[in-house]
Amino acid sequence: MAILEILTYPDERLKRVSEQVEVFDDELRAFIADLEETMRAGPGGVGIAAPQVGRIQRVVIVDCSVTRKPVPNHGRLILINPEVLTWEGMEVGREGCMSVPDYTGNVIRATGLTLAAQNQHGEQLELEFEGFEARAVQHEMDHLDGMLFLDRLVSRRNDLFRRKVYQEPKAKKKA
C-alpha cells in the first residue's frame, strides 16, 4: 500500500466529472487500499474521493466511526458509483477538506439521504444516512462531480474561515 499525493485547490483536475467504474478487479481493490491509507494518514479525515488523488472515477471511502460524532454511522464504507435516491431536511454545518487544507466553511446539506452504490466487488448496496455521516457522504460525492465545499458555501464573504494551524507537540527532553 502507498500514501498517494492529494491534489489541492486550485488544481483543475478537482473540477473534472468522474467516470463510472465498470471493472471490479484486483487493480481497483489495490487502488482502494492505497486511497484508504491516504485518508487515514491525513489529520482527522473521515472520507476521501478518488478525484482527490487524481483518479477520475466514482469511488469514495467514508468512515465516521473515528470522529467525535460517531453515532449513528455505518463504519468503514467503500462506495462505488454512488447515486442519491432520496434526501430530506437541510442544515448548515462547518466542513473542511484535505484538498482545501487552509480553510473551512459553512455549507448547507441534506440531513438524511438514501443512496444506491456498489462495493469493491461490484455488489449492489442501498444505504440510509443521517446527521454527520450524511454530510460526509454528500461532501465526498461532490468530488465525483467536480465540486468542492467552496462551491457550496452559503456566502464566500461570511462563511469561509481560515483553518487553525495546530503545532506538533515538542518532544520531551530526557532527564
N, C-alpha and C. Protein backbone atom coordinates (compact mmCIF):
# COMPACT_ATOMS: atom_id res chain seq x y z
N MET A 1 0.84 -1.19 0.00
CA MET A 1 0.00 0.00 0.00
C MET A 1 0.88 1.25 0.00
N ALA A 2 0.28 2.33 -0.47
CA ALA A 2 1.04 3.57 -0.59
C ALA A 2 0.17 4.76 -0.23
N ILE A 3 0.79 5.79 0.30
CA ILE A 3 0.09 7.05 0.54
C ILE A 3 0.21 7.87 -0.74
N LEU A 4 -0.93 8.23 -1.28
CA LEU A 4 -0.99 8.95 -2.55
C LEU A 4 -0.95 10.46 -2.33
N GLU A 5 -0.51 11.20 -3.34
CA GLU A 5 -0.49 12.65 -3.26
C GLU A 5 -1.91 13.19 -3.39
N ILE A 6 -2.28 14.07 -2.48
CA ILE A 6 -3.61 14.69 -2.52
C ILE A 6 -3.53 15.98 -3.32
N LEU A 7 -4.39 16.09 -4.32
CA LEU A 7 -4.47 17.32 -5.11
C LEU A 7 -5.09 18.41 -4.26
N THR A 8 -4.61 19.63 -4.42
CA THR A 8 -5.18 20.74 -3.65
C THR A 8 -5.67 21.84 -4.59
N TYR A 9 -6.69 22.54 -4.09
CA TYR A 9 -7.26 23.68 -4.80
C TYR A 9 -6.16 24.68 -5.08
N PRO A 10 -6.03 25.21 -6.28
CA PRO A 10 -6.99 25.24 -7.39
C PRO A 10 -6.68 24.25 -8.51
N ASP A 11 -6.11 23.09 -8.24
CA ASP A 11 -5.79 22.11 -9.28
C ASP A 11 -7.03 21.82 -10.12
N GLU A 12 -6.92 22.00 -11.43
CA GLU A 12 -8.06 21.85 -12.34
C GLU A 12 -8.62 20.43 -12.37
N ARG A 13 -7.80 19.43 -12.03
CA ARG A 13 -8.30 18.04 -12.04
C ARG A 13 -9.41 17.84 -11.01
N LEU A 14 -9.44 18.67 -9.98
CA LEU A 14 -10.51 18.57 -8.97
C LEU A 14 -11.86 18.99 -9.52
N LYS A 15 -11.88 19.68 -10.66
CA LYS A 15 -13.13 20.17 -11.25
C LYS A 15 -13.72 19.21 -12.29
N ARG A 16 -13.02 18.10 -12.56
CA ARG A 16 -13.50 17.16 -13.57
C ARG A 16 -14.59 16.25 -13.03
N VAL A 17 -15.53 15.90 -13.89
CA VAL A 17 -16.60 14.95 -13.53
C VAL A 17 -16.05 13.53 -13.71
N SER A 18 -16.24 12.71 -12.69
CA SER A 18 -15.68 11.35 -12.69
C SER A 18 -16.48 10.38 -13.55
N GLU A 19 -15.77 9.37 -14.01
CA GLU A 19 -16.36 8.32 -14.83
C GLU A 19 -16.83 7.16 -13.95
N GLN A 20 -17.85 6.45 -14.42
CA GLN A 20 -18.35 5.27 -13.72
C GLN A 20 -17.26 4.20 -13.69
N VAL A 21 -17.24 3.44 -12.61
CA VAL A 21 -16.36 2.27 -12.51
C VAL A 21 -17.11 1.11 -13.16
N GLU A 22 -16.44 0.45 -14.09
CA GLU A 22 -17.08 -0.68 -14.77
C GLU A 22 -16.35 -1.99 -14.54
N VAL A 23 -15.07 -1.92 -14.14
CA VAL A 23 -14.28 -3.13 -13.91
C VAL A 23 -13.95 -3.20 -12.41
N PHE A 24 -14.39 -4.28 -11.78
CA PHE A 24 -14.16 -4.51 -10.36
C PHE A 24 -13.14 -5.64 -10.22
N ASP A 25 -11.86 -5.26 -10.23
CA ASP A 25 -10.80 -6.26 -10.24
C ASP A 25 -9.79 -6.00 -9.13
N ASP A 26 -8.72 -6.77 -9.13
CA ASP A 26 -7.69 -6.63 -8.10
C ASP A 26 -7.01 -5.27 -8.18
N GLU A 27 -6.85 -4.72 -9.37
CA GLU A 27 -6.23 -3.40 -9.51
C GLU A 27 -7.08 -2.34 -8.83
N LEU A 28 -8.40 -2.41 -8.99
CA LEU A 28 -9.30 -1.46 -8.33
C LEU A 28 -9.20 -1.62 -6.81
N ARG A 29 -9.20 -2.85 -6.33
CA ARG A 29 -9.13 -3.07 -4.88
C ARG A 29 -7.78 -2.61 -4.32
N ALA A 30 -6.70 -2.75 -5.08
CA ALA A 30 -5.38 -2.25 -4.64
C ALA A 30 -5.41 -0.72 -4.56
N PHE A 31 -6.03 -0.08 -5.56
CA PHE A 31 -6.16 1.38 -5.52
C PHE A 31 -6.97 1.80 -4.29
N ILE A 32 -8.06 1.10 -4.00
CA ILE A 32 -8.90 1.44 -2.85
C ILE A 32 -8.09 1.31 -1.55
N ALA A 33 -7.24 0.30 -1.46
CA ALA A 33 -6.39 0.16 -0.27
C ALA A 33 -5.45 1.35 -0.13
N ASP A 34 -4.86 1.80 -1.24
CA ASP A 34 -3.99 2.98 -1.21
C ASP A 34 -4.79 4.23 -0.85
N LEU A 35 -5.99 4.35 -1.41
CA LEU A 35 -6.85 5.50 -1.12
C LEU A 35 -7.20 5.56 0.36
N GLU A 36 -7.52 4.40 0.93
CA GLU A 36 -7.84 4.37 2.36
C GLU A 36 -6.63 4.71 3.21
N GLU A 37 -5.47 4.19 2.86
CA GLU A 37 -4.26 4.52 3.61
C GLU A 37 -3.98 6.02 3.55
N THR A 38 -4.22 6.62 2.40
CA THR A 38 -4.05 8.06 2.23
C THR A 38 -5.00 8.83 3.14
N MET A 39 -6.26 8.40 3.19
CA MET A 39 -7.25 9.05 4.06
C MET A 39 -6.82 8.96 5.53
N ARG A 40 -6.41 7.79 5.94
CA ARG A 40 -6.04 7.57 7.35
C ARG A 40 -4.76 8.32 7.73
N ALA A 41 -3.91 8.61 6.76
CA ALA A 41 -2.66 9.34 7.04
C ALA A 41 -2.91 10.83 7.27
N GLY A 42 -4.05 11.31 6.82
CA GLY A 42 -4.37 12.73 6.98
C GLY A 42 -4.87 13.03 8.38
N PRO A 43 -4.88 14.30 8.75
CA PRO A 43 -5.32 14.68 10.09
C PRO A 43 -6.85 14.69 10.21
N GLY A 44 -7.41 13.67 10.81
CA GLY A 44 -8.83 13.66 11.13
C GLY A 44 -9.76 13.46 9.96
N GLY A 45 -9.28 12.92 8.84
CA GLY A 45 -10.14 12.72 7.68
C GLY A 45 -11.14 11.62 7.91
N VAL A 46 -12.40 11.88 7.53
CA VAL A 46 -13.44 10.86 7.63
C VAL A 46 -13.87 10.36 6.26
N GLY A 47 -13.27 10.92 5.21
CA GLY A 47 -13.62 10.49 3.87
C GLY A 47 -12.61 10.97 2.86
N ILE A 48 -12.65 10.32 1.71
CA ILE A 48 -11.78 10.70 0.60
C ILE A 48 -12.43 10.19 -0.68
N ALA A 49 -12.21 10.90 -1.76
CA ALA A 49 -12.73 10.51 -3.06
C ALA A 49 -11.59 10.34 -4.04
N ALA A 50 -11.74 9.42 -4.97
CA ALA A 50 -10.69 9.14 -5.94
C ALA A 50 -10.18 10.38 -6.67
N PRO A 51 -11.05 11.32 -7.06
CA PRO A 51 -10.52 12.51 -7.76
C PRO A 51 -9.52 13.31 -6.94
N GLN A 52 -9.56 13.20 -5.63
CA GLN A 52 -8.64 13.96 -4.78
C GLN A 52 -7.19 13.48 -4.95
N VAL A 53 -7.02 12.28 -5.49
CA VAL A 53 -5.67 11.77 -5.75
C VAL A 53 -5.42 11.63 -7.25
N GLY A 54 -6.27 12.28 -8.05
CA GLY A 54 -6.06 12.32 -9.50
C GLY A 54 -6.66 11.19 -10.29
N ARG A 55 -7.40 10.31 -9.66
CA ARG A 55 -8.08 9.21 -10.39
C ARG A 55 -9.54 9.63 -10.57
N ILE A 56 -9.91 9.90 -11.79
CA ILE A 56 -11.22 10.49 -12.07
C ILE A 56 -12.25 9.38 -12.28
N GLN A 57 -12.52 8.66 -11.19
CA GLN A 57 -13.52 7.59 -11.17
C GLN A 57 -14.40 7.77 -9.95
N ARG A 58 -15.60 7.20 -10.01
CA ARG A 58 -16.61 7.38 -8.99
C ARG A 58 -16.38 6.40 -7.83
N VAL A 59 -15.39 6.71 -7.00
CA VAL A 59 -15.03 5.90 -5.84
C VAL A 59 -14.86 6.82 -4.64
N VAL A 60 -15.55 6.51 -3.54
CA VAL A 60 -15.34 7.25 -2.29
C VAL A 60 -15.23 6.27 -1.13
N ILE A 61 -14.53 6.72 -0.11
CA ILE A 61 -14.45 5.98 1.15
C ILE A 61 -14.92 6.94 2.24
N VAL A 62 -15.78 6.44 3.12
CA VAL A 62 -16.27 7.23 4.26
C VAL A 62 -16.19 6.35 5.50
N ASP A 63 -15.67 6.91 6.59
CA ASP A 63 -15.64 6.20 7.87
C ASP A 63 -15.79 7.23 8.99
N CYS A 64 -17.00 7.37 9.48
CA CYS A 64 -17.29 8.34 10.54
C CYS A 64 -17.17 7.72 11.93
N SER A 65 -16.76 6.47 12.02
CA SER A 65 -16.68 5.81 13.32
C SER A 65 -15.52 6.33 14.17
N VAL A 66 -14.61 7.08 13.55
CA VAL A 66 -13.43 7.56 14.26
C VAL A 66 -13.55 9.03 14.68
N THR A 67 -14.73 9.61 14.60
CA THR A 67 -14.91 11.03 14.91
C THR A 67 -15.48 11.24 16.29
N ARG A 68 -15.57 12.52 16.66
CA ARG A 68 -16.21 12.87 17.93
C ARG A 68 -17.71 12.71 17.85
N LYS A 69 -18.26 12.60 16.62
CA LYS A 69 -19.70 12.46 16.42
C LYS A 69 -20.00 11.12 15.74
N PRO A 70 -19.64 9.99 16.36
CA PRO A 70 -19.71 8.72 15.64
C PRO A 70 -21.10 8.11 15.49
N VAL A 71 -22.11 8.58 16.22
CA VAL A 71 -23.41 7.91 16.19
C VAL A 71 -24.39 8.77 15.43
N PRO A 72 -25.21 8.25 14.57
CA PRO A 72 -25.12 6.90 14.00
C PRO A 72 -24.17 6.88 12.82
N ASN A 73 -23.63 5.71 12.53
CA ASN A 73 -22.80 5.56 11.34
C ASN A 73 -22.71 4.09 10.95
N HIS A 74 -22.25 3.86 9.73
CA HIS A 74 -22.11 2.51 9.19
C HIS A 74 -20.69 1.98 9.32
N GLY A 75 -19.78 2.74 9.93
CA GLY A 75 -18.39 2.33 9.97
C GLY A 75 -17.72 2.59 8.63
N ARG A 76 -16.73 1.81 8.30
CA ARG A 76 -15.96 1.97 7.06
C ARG A 76 -16.81 1.56 5.87
N LEU A 77 -16.96 2.49 4.92
CA LEU A 77 -17.74 2.21 3.72
C LEU A 77 -16.95 2.55 2.47
N ILE A 78 -16.99 1.65 1.52
CA ILE A 78 -16.47 1.92 0.19
C ILE A 78 -17.68 2.03 -0.71
N LEU A 79 -17.84 3.19 -1.34
CA LEU A 79 -19.00 3.45 -2.18
C LEU A 79 -18.52 3.72 -3.60
N ILE A 80 -18.92 2.86 -4.50
CA ILE A 80 -18.52 2.99 -5.90
C ILE A 80 -19.78 3.27 -6.72
N ASN A 81 -19.68 4.24 -7.61
CA ASN A 81 -20.80 4.68 -8.44
C ASN A 81 -22.02 5.06 -7.58
N PRO A 82 -21.82 5.83 -6.49
CA PRO A 82 -22.95 6.17 -5.63
C PRO A 82 -23.93 7.11 -6.32
N GLU A 83 -25.20 6.94 -5.98
CA GLU A 83 -26.26 7.77 -6.55
C GLU A 83 -27.30 8.03 -5.47
N VAL A 84 -27.63 9.30 -5.24
CA VAL A 84 -28.64 9.65 -4.24
C VAL A 84 -30.01 9.26 -4.77
N LEU A 85 -30.76 8.52 -3.95
CA LEU A 85 -32.12 8.13 -4.30
C LEU A 85 -33.13 9.08 -3.68
N THR A 86 -32.93 9.42 -2.41
CA THR A 86 -33.81 10.36 -1.72
C THR A 86 -32.99 11.20 -0.77
N TRP A 87 -33.48 12.38 -0.44
CA TRP A 87 -32.86 13.22 0.57
C TRP A 87 -33.95 13.96 1.32
N GLU A 88 -33.62 14.38 2.54
CA GLU A 88 -34.59 15.13 3.34
C GLU A 88 -33.87 16.10 4.26
N GLY A 89 -34.59 17.14 4.63
CA GLY A 89 -34.08 18.13 5.56
C GLY A 89 -32.91 18.92 5.00
N MET A 90 -32.59 20.02 5.68
CA MET A 90 -31.44 20.83 5.32
C MET A 90 -30.86 21.43 6.57
N GLU A 91 -29.53 21.52 6.59
CA GLU A 91 -28.86 22.07 7.77
C GLU A 91 -27.52 22.66 7.34
N VAL A 92 -27.18 23.77 7.96
CA VAL A 92 -25.87 24.39 7.73
C VAL A 92 -24.87 23.76 8.69
N GLY A 93 -23.69 23.43 8.19
CA GLY A 93 -22.65 22.87 9.05
C GLY A 93 -21.28 23.23 8.51
N ARG A 94 -20.28 23.20 9.38
CA ARG A 94 -18.90 23.54 9.03
C ARG A 94 -18.24 22.33 8.39
N GLU A 95 -17.53 22.56 7.29
CA GLU A 95 -16.81 21.49 6.61
C GLU A 95 -15.39 21.92 6.30
N GLY A 96 -14.52 20.94 6.23
CA GLY A 96 -13.16 21.12 5.77
C GLY A 96 -12.86 20.04 4.76
N CYS A 97 -11.68 20.11 4.15
CA CYS A 97 -11.35 19.16 3.09
C CYS A 97 -9.84 19.05 2.95
N MET A 98 -9.37 17.84 2.73
CA MET A 98 -7.93 17.65 2.52
C MET A 98 -7.44 18.36 1.27
N SER A 99 -8.34 18.59 0.31
CA SER A 99 -7.95 19.29 -0.92
C SER A 99 -8.01 20.81 -0.77
N VAL A 100 -8.54 21.28 0.34
CA VAL A 100 -8.57 22.72 0.66
C VAL A 100 -8.06 22.84 2.09
N PRO A 101 -6.76 22.58 2.29
CA PRO A 101 -6.24 22.41 3.65
C PRO A 101 -6.24 23.66 4.52
N ASP A 102 -6.31 24.84 3.95
CA ASP A 102 -6.18 26.06 4.74
C ASP A 102 -7.49 26.69 5.18
N TYR A 103 -8.63 26.11 4.76
CA TYR A 103 -9.93 26.75 5.05
C TYR A 103 -10.98 25.74 5.47
N THR A 104 -11.99 26.25 6.16
CA THR A 104 -13.23 25.53 6.43
C THR A 104 -14.36 26.47 6.03
N GLY A 105 -15.57 25.94 5.95
CA GLY A 105 -16.67 26.81 5.57
C GLY A 105 -18.02 26.22 5.92
N ASN A 106 -19.02 27.09 5.98
CA ASN A 106 -20.39 26.69 6.25
C ASN A 106 -21.08 26.29 4.96
N VAL A 107 -21.66 25.09 4.97
CA VAL A 107 -22.29 24.52 3.78
C VAL A 107 -23.65 23.96 4.17
N ILE A 108 -24.65 24.15 3.30
CA ILE A 108 -25.97 23.56 3.51
C ILE A 108 -25.97 22.16 2.90
N ARG A 109 -26.41 21.18 3.68
CA ARG A 109 -26.51 19.79 3.23
C ARG A 109 -27.82 19.19 3.70
N ALA A 110 -28.24 18.13 3.03
CA ALA A 110 -29.39 17.35 3.49
C ALA A 110 -29.03 16.68 4.81
N THR A 111 -30.01 16.56 5.70
CA THR A 111 -29.76 15.92 7.00
C THR A 111 -29.93 14.40 6.94
N GLY A 112 -30.57 13.93 5.89
CA GLY A 112 -30.73 12.49 5.70
C GLY A 112 -30.77 12.16 4.23
N LEU A 113 -30.27 10.99 3.87
CA LEU A 113 -30.35 10.58 2.48
C LEU A 113 -30.30 9.07 2.35
N THR A 114 -30.81 8.60 1.23
CA THR A 114 -30.72 7.19 0.85
C THR A 114 -29.95 7.16 -0.45
N LEU A 115 -29.01 6.22 -0.54
CA LEU A 115 -28.29 6.12 -1.80
C LEU A 115 -28.07 4.68 -2.20
N ALA A 116 -27.88 4.52 -3.51
CA ALA A 116 -27.51 3.23 -4.08
C ALA A 116 -26.06 3.34 -4.49
N ALA A 117 -25.32 2.26 -4.32
CA ALA A 117 -23.91 2.23 -4.70
C ALA A 117 -23.50 0.78 -4.89
N GLN A 118 -22.25 0.59 -5.23
CA GLN A 118 -21.67 -0.75 -5.30
C GLN A 118 -20.46 -0.78 -4.37
N ASN A 119 -20.14 -1.98 -3.90
CA ASN A 119 -18.93 -2.13 -3.09
C ASN A 119 -17.76 -2.49 -4.00
N GLN A 120 -16.60 -2.78 -3.42
CA GLN A 120 -15.39 -3.05 -4.20
C GLN A 120 -15.46 -4.33 -5.02
N HIS A 121 -16.49 -5.14 -4.79
CA HIS A 121 -16.67 -6.38 -5.56
C HIS A 121 -17.78 -6.23 -6.60
N GLY A 122 -18.37 -5.03 -6.69
CA GLY A 122 -19.43 -4.78 -7.65
C GLY A 122 -20.82 -5.12 -7.15
N GLU A 123 -20.92 -5.54 -5.89
CA GLU A 123 -22.23 -5.89 -5.32
C GLU A 123 -23.02 -4.62 -5.03
N GLN A 124 -24.34 -4.67 -5.29
CA GLN A 124 -25.22 -3.53 -5.09
C GLN A 124 -25.49 -3.30 -3.60
N LEU A 125 -25.51 -2.03 -3.21
CA LEU A 125 -25.83 -1.61 -1.85
C LEU A 125 -26.94 -0.57 -1.90
N GLU A 126 -27.77 -0.53 -0.88
CA GLU A 126 -28.68 0.59 -0.67
C GLU A 126 -28.59 0.94 0.80
N LEU A 127 -28.22 2.19 1.09
CA LEU A 127 -27.93 2.61 2.46
C LEU A 127 -28.65 3.90 2.79
N GLU A 128 -28.99 4.04 4.08
CA GLU A 128 -29.57 5.29 4.58
C GLU A 128 -28.57 5.94 5.51
N PHE A 129 -28.48 7.26 5.41
CA PHE A 129 -27.55 8.03 6.23
C PHE A 129 -28.28 9.17 6.89
N GLU A 130 -27.78 9.58 8.06
CA GLU A 130 -28.32 10.76 8.73
C GLU A 130 -27.21 11.49 9.47
N GLY A 131 -27.50 12.73 9.80
CA GLY A 131 -26.58 13.52 10.60
C GLY A 131 -25.22 13.73 9.96
N PHE A 132 -24.18 13.66 10.78
CA PHE A 132 -22.82 13.92 10.33
C PHE A 132 -22.39 12.98 9.20
N GLU A 133 -22.80 11.71 9.30
CA GLU A 133 -22.42 10.75 8.25
C GLU A 133 -23.06 11.12 6.91
N ALA A 134 -24.30 11.59 6.94
CA ALA A 134 -24.96 12.05 5.70
C ALA A 134 -24.18 13.22 5.10
N ARG A 135 -23.74 14.13 5.94
CA ARG A 135 -22.95 15.28 5.47
C ARG A 135 -21.64 14.79 4.84
N ALA A 136 -20.94 13.88 5.49
CA ALA A 136 -19.67 13.38 4.97
C ALA A 136 -19.84 12.69 3.62
N VAL A 137 -20.89 11.89 3.48
CA VAL A 137 -21.14 11.19 2.21
C VAL A 137 -21.41 12.21 1.10
N GLN A 138 -22.22 13.23 1.38
CA GLN A 138 -22.52 14.25 0.38
C GLN A 138 -21.26 15.01 -0.02
N HIS A 139 -20.43 15.33 0.96
CA HIS A 139 -19.18 16.04 0.69
C HIS A 139 -18.31 15.23 -0.27
N GLU A 140 -18.13 13.95 0.02
CA GLU A 140 -17.28 13.11 -0.83
C GLU A 140 -17.89 12.91 -2.21
N MET A 141 -19.20 12.74 -2.27
CA MET A 141 -19.86 12.57 -3.57
C MET A 141 -19.72 13.82 -4.43
N ASP A 142 -19.68 14.99 -3.82
CA ASP A 142 -19.47 16.22 -4.60
C ASP A 142 -18.17 16.16 -5.39
N HIS A 143 -17.12 15.57 -4.80
CA HIS A 143 -15.84 15.45 -5.50
C HIS A 143 -16.01 14.70 -6.83
N LEU A 144 -16.93 13.75 -6.86
CA LEU A 144 -17.15 12.96 -8.07
C LEU A 144 -17.73 13.80 -9.20
N ASP A 145 -18.36 14.90 -8.85
CA ASP A 145 -18.95 15.80 -9.85
C ASP A 145 -18.14 17.08 -10.02
N GLY A 146 -16.90 17.05 -9.55
CA GLY A 146 -16.01 18.20 -9.74
C GLY A 146 -16.34 19.38 -8.86
N MET A 147 -16.96 19.12 -7.70
CA MET A 147 -17.32 20.20 -6.79
C MET A 147 -16.54 20.09 -5.49
N LEU A 148 -16.19 21.25 -4.94
CA LEU A 148 -15.58 21.34 -3.62
C LEU A 148 -16.57 22.03 -2.69
N PHE A 149 -16.32 21.94 -1.38
CA PHE A 149 -17.22 22.64 -0.46
C PHE A 149 -17.22 24.13 -0.75
N LEU A 150 -16.14 24.65 -1.31
CA LEU A 150 -16.07 26.08 -1.67
C LEU A 150 -17.19 26.47 -2.64
N ASP A 151 -17.61 25.51 -3.48
CA ASP A 151 -18.67 25.77 -4.45
C ASP A 151 -20.05 25.81 -3.80
N ARG A 152 -20.16 25.36 -2.57
CA ARG A 152 -21.45 25.29 -1.88
C ARG A 152 -21.54 26.22 -0.66
N LEU A 153 -20.56 27.08 -0.49
CA LEU A 153 -20.59 27.99 0.66
C LEU A 153 -21.87 28.81 0.65
N VAL A 154 -22.42 29.04 1.82
CA VAL A 154 -23.59 29.89 1.94
C VAL A 154 -23.21 31.29 1.45
N SER A 155 -22.08 31.80 1.91
CA SER A 155 -21.57 33.11 1.49
C SER A 155 -20.05 33.09 1.56
N ARG A 156 -19.38 33.38 0.47
CA ARG A 156 -17.90 33.40 0.50
C ARG A 156 -17.40 34.47 1.45
N ARG A 157 -18.15 35.53 1.58
CA ARG A 157 -17.72 36.65 2.43
C ARG A 157 -17.83 36.32 3.92
N ASN A 158 -18.92 35.64 4.30
CA ASN A 158 -19.19 35.41 5.72
C ASN A 158 -18.97 33.97 6.20
N ASP A 159 -18.84 33.03 5.28
CA ASP A 159 -18.84 31.62 5.68
C ASP A 159 -17.59 30.84 5.29
N LEU A 160 -16.51 31.55 5.00
CA LEU A 160 -15.23 30.91 4.73
C LEU A 160 -14.26 31.33 5.83
N PHE A 161 -13.61 30.34 6.44
CA PHE A 161 -12.77 30.61 7.60
C PHE A 161 -11.39 30.00 7.41
N ARG A 162 -10.36 30.75 7.81
CA ARG A 162 -9.01 30.22 7.78
C ARG A 162 -8.91 29.15 8.87
N ARG A 163 -8.38 27.99 8.48
CA ARG A 163 -8.26 26.87 9.42
C ARG A 163 -7.18 27.18 10.44
N LYS A 164 -7.42 26.79 11.67
CA LYS A 164 -6.41 26.93 12.71
C LYS A 164 -5.26 25.98 12.41
N VAL A 165 -4.06 26.42 12.67
CA VAL A 165 -2.89 25.59 12.47
C VAL A 165 -2.47 25.06 13.83
N TYR A 166 -2.43 23.76 13.92
CA TYR A 166 -2.03 23.13 15.17
C TYR A 166 -0.58 22.72 15.07
N GLN A 167 0.20 23.08 16.08
CA GLN A 167 1.61 22.72 16.08
C GLN A 167 1.79 21.34 16.69
N GLU A 168 2.77 20.64 16.16
CA GLU A 168 3.12 19.34 16.73
C GLU A 168 3.67 19.56 18.13
N PRO A 169 3.30 18.70 19.09
CA PRO A 169 3.88 18.85 20.42
C PRO A 169 5.39 18.65 20.38
N LYS A 170 6.12 19.48 21.11
CA LYS A 170 7.57 19.34 21.14
C LYS A 170 7.94 18.09 21.91
N ALA A 171 8.99 17.45 21.45
CA ALA A 171 9.46 16.23 22.11
C ALA A 171 9.94 16.58 23.52
N LYS A 172 9.58 15.70 24.45
CA LYS A 172 10.02 15.92 25.82
C LYS A 172 11.49 15.59 25.95
N LYS A 173 12.18 16.42 26.70
CA LYS A 173 13.60 16.18 26.93
C LYS A 173 13.76 15.06 27.93
N LYS A 174 14.74 14.20 27.64
CA LYS A 174 15.02 13.11 28.57
C LYS A 174 15.89 13.63 29.70
N ALA A 175 15.59 13.18 30.90
CA ALA A 175 16.35 13.62 32.07
C ALA A 175 17.65 12.89 32.20
